[in-house]
Amino acid sequence: MHLQMKAPIIIALLCCCCIAQAGAQDSTMLNGANWSGLVILGTKNLWRGIDFGNATPTVQGLVAFKPSDRWDINLLGITSLTGENAGYASTLNLFVNYTLNKLTLTLDNYYFHGDATNIPTNFWDYKNAHFLEGRIGYALNKFNFTAGYTLYGGGYYSNPVIDSTGATLQNTRGLYLEVQYRPIEQITLTMGGITAASALNFADKAGITNIGFKYTKNLKITDHFSIPVDFQLVVNPSYQNIAPLGLPRVGYGNQRVNFAIMMTLE
């Protein structure tokens, strides 16, 4: 992996670790604004039904800046613990949330670091290597509803390709829809899918892409300190559409079923 491409992700993770350590017990206040951070260790990097890194253990770091009750700005960096990047194991997100009561509006900038196993990318090539997604979220009792649409970017992944049958495969900007249900605090049920082909969601047909079950357990270390551990089971009924023959996107897992364990340090 080229150092200049991975440097932004490494810097982001270092910032996350420093702020997470500083704010391990409480959020940090600076001029009335709220800073916080956390680090997540996982056996896999699962996102919307896809295993990025193909069963590679990962570390995730998140820094959040909350200038007011309604606004928060977040930086999320993810990379593999093995140092390998096969299957877009290294990603970087910068997203902004605006929350009004139960409604949340989000602008999210995605960067998937590519290499020889998929499509080599340059972090500074915004038009081709980044995606900008707009999302709307709404919380209703034990339910959370989300809709996301790609507004810009993804040029590397959006060019039409002719598959082995002669059909033209064109990644469009399908709408991603998701609903979450939490019957109790420890359990989260998820179902999500896309309305059409979507380069951001790495899928070339509409369908259900993400059926998930998550159980959260606090691992008690001392009487005053515990670590949240998530056990995730994710099924992708449309897994055959993740990387069909003919598309230049390989290296990440395209399994129907994935299981992961995540540990959060904050």
Foldseek 3Di string as FASTA:
>chain_A
DDCQQCVVLVVLQVVQVVQQVVAQPHWDDDPNKTKHKKKKWKQFDDDLQWTAQARFTKMKIKIWIGNDPFKIKMKMWMAGPVRDRFRLRTKIKIKMWGDDPFKIKMKIKIFRQDDPNFDHDHPPPRQAGIWIKIKMWGDDPQKIKMKIWTDGHNNVQADWWQFPVRDTQGADTWMKIKMWGDPDPFKIWMWIWTPAGHSVSQFRGTDIAWTKIKGWDWADDDPVDTKIKIKMKIAGPRLCRNDDGGGRGDRIDSDRIDIMMMIMRD
